[in-house]
Each structure stands twice: as structure tokens, then as C-alpha cells.
Protein backbone atom coordinates (compact mmCIF):
# COMPACT_ATOMS: atom_id res chain seq x y z
CA MET A 1 0.00 0.00 0.00
CA GLN A 2 1.49 3.26 -1.09
CA PRO A 3 1.21 6.38 1.11
CA MET A 4 -1.05 9.18 -0.07
CA ARG A 5 0.57 11.90 -1.98
CA LEU A 6 0.57 15.36 -0.51
CA THR A 7 -1.95 16.70 -3.03
CA GLU A 8 -4.36 13.87 -2.27
CA ARG A 9 -4.15 14.64 1.45
CA ILE A 10 -4.71 18.35 0.78
CA ILE A 11 -7.75 17.57 -1.35
CA MET A 12 -9.14 15.20 1.28
CA CYS A 13 -8.65 17.83 4.00
CA ALA A 14 -10.33 20.48 1.86
CA ARG A 15 -13.31 18.19 1.23
CA GLU A 16 -13.67 17.58 4.96
CA GLN A 17 -13.59 21.32 5.62
CA ILE A 18 -16.22 21.89 2.93
CA ALA A 19 -18.47 19.22 4.46
CA ASP A 20 -18.07 20.80 7.93
CA LEU A 21 -18.86 24.25 6.57
CA LYS A 22 -21.93 22.95 4.75
CA MET A 23 -23.21 21.44 8.01
CA LYS A 24 -22.58 24.73 9.86
CA MET A 25 -24.39 26.67 7.13
CA GLU A 26 -27.38 24.33 7.38
CA ASP A 27 -27.48 24.73 11.17
CA MET A 28 -27.28 28.51 10.89
CA SER A 29 -30.01 28.50 8.25
CA GLN A 30 -32.32 26.53 10.53
CA GLU A 31 -31.57 28.83 13.47
CA PHE A 32 -32.29 31.88 11.32
CA GLY A 33 -35.58 30.35 10.17
CA GLU A 34 -36.58 29.76 13.78
CA MET A 35 -35.71 33.35 14.69
CA LEU A 36 -37.82 34.64 11.79
CA LYS A 37 -40.74 32.46 12.91
CA GLU A 38 -40.47 33.78 16.47
CA THR A 39 -40.40 37.35 15.18
CA LEU A 40 -43.43 36.72 12.98
CA ASP A 41 -45.32 35.17 15.90
CA LYS A 42 -44.54 38.14 18.15
CA MET A 43 -45.57 40.62 15.46
CA SER A 44 -48.80 38.72 14.87
CA GLU A 45 -49.58 38.80 18.59
CA LYS A 46 -48.97 42.55 18.74
CA ILE A 47 -51.10 43.17 15.65
CA GLU A 48 -53.91 41.07 17.12
CA ALA A 49 -53.70 42.91 20.46
CA THR A 50 -53.72 46.29 18.74
CA SER A 51 -56.62 45.25 16.53
CA ASN A 52 -58.59 44.14 19.60
CA GLU A 53 -57.84 47.44 21.35
CA TRP A 54 -59.02 49.36 18.31
CA GLU A 55 -62.21 47.34 18.12
CA GLN A 56 -62.89 48.02 21.80
CA ASP A 57 -62.12 51.73 21.38
CA ALA A 58 -64.31 51.92 18.28
CA GLY A 59 -67.23 50.24 20.04
CA GLY A 60 -67.34 46.95 18.24
CA GLY A 61 -65.19 47.09 15.15
CA GLY A 62 -67.47 48.89 12.70
CA ASN A 63 -65.61 52.13 13.27
CA VAL A 64 -62.10 50.85 12.59
CA GLU A 65 -62.18 52.38 9.13
CA LYS A 66 -63.29 55.68 10.65
CA LYS A 67 -60.41 55.58 13.12
CA LEU A 68 -57.98 54.88 10.27
CA GLU A 69 -59.37 57.87 8.39
CA GLU A 70 -58.92 60.03 11.49
CA LEU A 71 -55.29 58.94 11.62
CA GLY A 72 -54.86 59.74 7.93
CA VAL A 73 -54.46 56.13 6.85
CA ALA A 74 -56.49 55.04 3.86
CA ALA A 75 -58.07 51.62 4.27
CA GLN A 76 -57.57 49.50 1.17
């Protein structure tokens, strides 16, 4: 059995590094996706809470459009 040549060892090492980096990128991608989901969930909760407050302030929800007009926001 003949020992590996230097270039073959360098290539093998580079391939191992690439595989490790790919795994790290996948992990980071999953973590980022989870962070985005958490952010979306928090934003949705805040929007829901604000919407409920507006409905209570407007006396039942029929006046939400009126409140938007008062604030200068056009409902679309």
C-alpha cells in the first residue's frame, strides 16, 4: 500500500472542511428560520392585540375604518 501523496491529502482535508462548513451553514439557516418564525409570531400577537384594542375603542369594530381615516391612513 502506497502512502497518499501530498496533493491527495490536501484535497481530502479540503473536502472535509467543505463538508463541515456545509453542516454549519445548514445549522445557521435553521436557526435563522426559527428566529424569523419567532419574530413573525410576536408581530402577529402585537397586531392582534392592537386590533382588539381598536375594536374596543371603536365600540365593536365597525368604526375601525373611521379611526384609520382620522389617523390619515387610507383603508384599502
